[in-house]
Amino acid sequence: MDSLINAAGRALSAGDPLGAVNYVALREDPPALALRAARNCHGSAR
């Protein structure tokens, strides 16, 4: 789990906020599940 957070930090440092969200969304804890749901809702609105 910490490796996903580290990867998200590296993505943010590289200027890739969407990549960072994707790394965090791979986690299975409630905050990550909420991000995944928000991302899916936002994507379907386009």
N, C-alpha and C. Protein backbone atom coordinates (compact mmCIF):
# COMPACT_ATOMS: atom_id res chain seq x y z
N MET A 1 0.83 -1.19 0.00
CA MET A 1 0.00 0.00 0.00
C MET A 1 0.88 1.25 0.00
N ASP A 2 1.93 1.27 0.77
CA ASP A 2 2.80 2.45 0.79
C ASP A 2 3.46 2.67 -0.56
N SER A 3 3.71 1.61 -1.31
CA SER A 3 4.33 1.78 -2.62
C SER A 3 3.41 2.54 -3.57
N LEU A 4 2.10 2.36 -3.43
CA LEU A 4 1.16 3.12 -4.26
C LEU A 4 1.17 4.60 -3.90
N ILE A 5 1.29 4.90 -2.62
CA ILE A 5 1.37 6.30 -2.19
C ILE A 5 2.66 6.93 -2.69
N ASN A 6 3.76 6.18 -2.62
CA ASN A 6 5.04 6.69 -3.13
C ASN A 6 4.96 6.94 -4.63
N ALA A 7 4.34 6.02 -5.35
CA ALA A 7 4.19 6.20 -6.79
C ALA A 7 3.32 7.41 -7.10
N ALA A 8 2.28 7.62 -6.31
CA ALA A 8 1.43 8.80 -6.50
C ALA A 8 2.23 10.08 -6.26
N GLY A 9 3.07 10.07 -5.25
CA GLY A 9 3.92 11.24 -4.98
C GLY A 9 4.88 11.52 -6.13
N ARG A 10 5.44 10.46 -6.69
CA ARG A 10 6.33 10.63 -7.84
C ARG A 10 5.56 11.19 -9.05
N ALA A 11 4.34 10.71 -9.25
CA ALA A 11 3.53 11.22 -10.35
C ALA A 11 3.23 12.71 -10.15
N LEU A 12 2.91 13.10 -8.92
CA LEU A 12 2.67 14.52 -8.65
C LEU A 12 3.92 15.35 -8.89
N SER A 13 5.06 14.84 -8.46
CA SER A 13 6.32 15.56 -8.67
C SER A 13 6.64 15.72 -10.15
N ALA A 14 6.21 14.75 -10.94
CA ALA A 14 6.45 14.81 -12.38
C ALA A 14 5.40 15.65 -13.11
N GLY A 15 4.43 16.19 -12.36
CA GLY A 15 3.40 17.03 -12.98
C GLY A 15 2.24 16.24 -13.56
N ASP A 16 1.97 15.07 -13.02
CA ASP A 16 0.89 14.21 -13.53
C ASP A 16 -0.15 13.97 -12.44
N PRO A 17 -1.03 14.94 -12.19
CA PRO A 17 -2.02 14.76 -11.11
C PRO A 17 -3.01 13.63 -11.38
N LEU A 18 -3.38 13.42 -12.64
CA LEU A 18 -4.31 12.33 -12.94
C LEU A 18 -3.66 10.97 -12.71
N GLY A 19 -2.40 10.88 -13.02
CA GLY A 19 -1.67 9.64 -12.73
C GLY A 19 -1.61 9.38 -11.24
N ALA A 20 -1.43 10.44 -10.46
CA ALA A 20 -1.40 10.29 -9.01
C ALA A 20 -2.74 9.79 -8.48
N VAL A 21 -3.83 10.34 -9.00
CA VAL A 21 -5.16 9.88 -8.59
C VAL A 21 -5.35 8.42 -8.95
N ASN A 22 -4.86 8.02 -10.11
CA ASN A 22 -4.99 6.63 -10.52
C ASN A 22 -4.26 5.70 -9.56
N TYR A 23 -3.07 6.10 -9.12
CA TYR A 23 -2.35 5.26 -8.15
C TYR A 23 -3.10 5.15 -6.84
N VAL A 24 -3.63 6.27 -6.37
CA VAL A 24 -4.37 6.25 -5.11
C VAL A 24 -5.64 5.43 -5.27
N ALA A 25 -6.27 5.52 -6.42
CA ALA A 25 -7.52 4.80 -6.64
C ALA A 25 -7.33 3.29 -6.71
N LEU A 26 -6.10 2.82 -6.89
CA LEU A 26 -5.85 1.38 -6.89
C LEU A 26 -5.98 0.78 -5.50
N ARG A 27 -5.93 1.63 -4.48
CA ARG A 27 -6.05 1.14 -3.11
C ARG A 27 -7.49 0.72 -2.84
N GLU A 28 -7.67 -0.09 -1.82
CA GLU A 28 -9.01 -0.62 -1.51
C GLU A 28 -9.61 -0.04 -0.23
N ASP A 29 -8.99 0.98 0.36
CA ASP A 29 -9.55 1.57 1.57
C ASP A 29 -10.66 2.56 1.20
N PRO A 30 -11.51 2.93 2.15
CA PRO A 30 -12.67 3.80 1.83
C PRO A 30 -12.32 5.11 1.13
N PRO A 31 -11.27 5.85 1.53
CA PRO A 31 -10.98 7.08 0.80
C PRO A 31 -10.63 6.83 -0.67
N ALA A 32 -9.92 5.75 -0.94
CA ALA A 32 -9.58 5.44 -2.33
C ALA A 32 -10.82 5.04 -3.11
N LEU A 33 -11.70 4.29 -2.49
CA LEU A 33 -12.93 3.91 -3.16
C LEU A 33 -13.78 5.14 -3.49
N ALA A 34 -13.77 6.14 -2.60
CA ALA A 34 -14.50 7.38 -2.86
C ALA A 34 -13.90 8.13 -4.04
N LEU A 35 -12.56 8.18 -4.11
CA LEU A 35 -11.92 8.82 -5.25
C LEU A 35 -12.26 8.11 -6.55
N ARG A 36 -12.26 6.80 -6.51
CA ARG A 36 -12.59 6.02 -7.71
C ARG A 36 -14.01 6.33 -8.16
N ALA A 37 -14.95 6.40 -7.23
CA ALA A 37 -16.34 6.69 -7.57
C ALA A 37 -16.45 8.10 -8.14
N ALA A 38 -15.75 9.05 -7.55
CA ALA A 38 -15.81 10.44 -8.05
C ALA A 38 -15.21 10.53 -9.43
N ARG A 39 -14.14 9.82 -9.67
CA ARG A 39 -13.50 9.84 -10.99
C ARG A 39 -14.44 9.25 -12.03
N ASN A 40 -15.11 8.15 -11.68
CA ASN A 40 -16.04 7.52 -12.62
C ASN A 40 -17.23 8.42 -12.92
N CYS A 41 -17.74 9.10 -11.91
CA CYS A 41 -18.88 10.01 -12.13
C CYS A 41 -18.46 11.18 -13.00
N HIS A 42 -17.28 11.71 -12.76
CA HIS A 42 -16.80 12.85 -13.53
C HIS A 42 -16.55 12.43 -14.97
N GLY A 43 -16.00 11.26 -15.18
CA GLY A 43 -15.71 10.79 -16.53
C GLY A 43 -16.95 10.55 -17.36
N SER A 44 -18.04 10.12 -16.72
CA SER A 44 -19.26 9.82 -17.47
C SER A 44 -20.01 11.10 -17.85
N ALA A 45 -19.68 12.23 -17.24
CA ALA A 45 -20.35 13.48 -17.54
C ALA A 45 -19.86 14.11 -18.83
N ARG A 46 -18.75 13.62 -19.34
CA ARG A 46 -18.19 14.21 -20.58
C ARG A 46 -18.85 13.68 -21.79
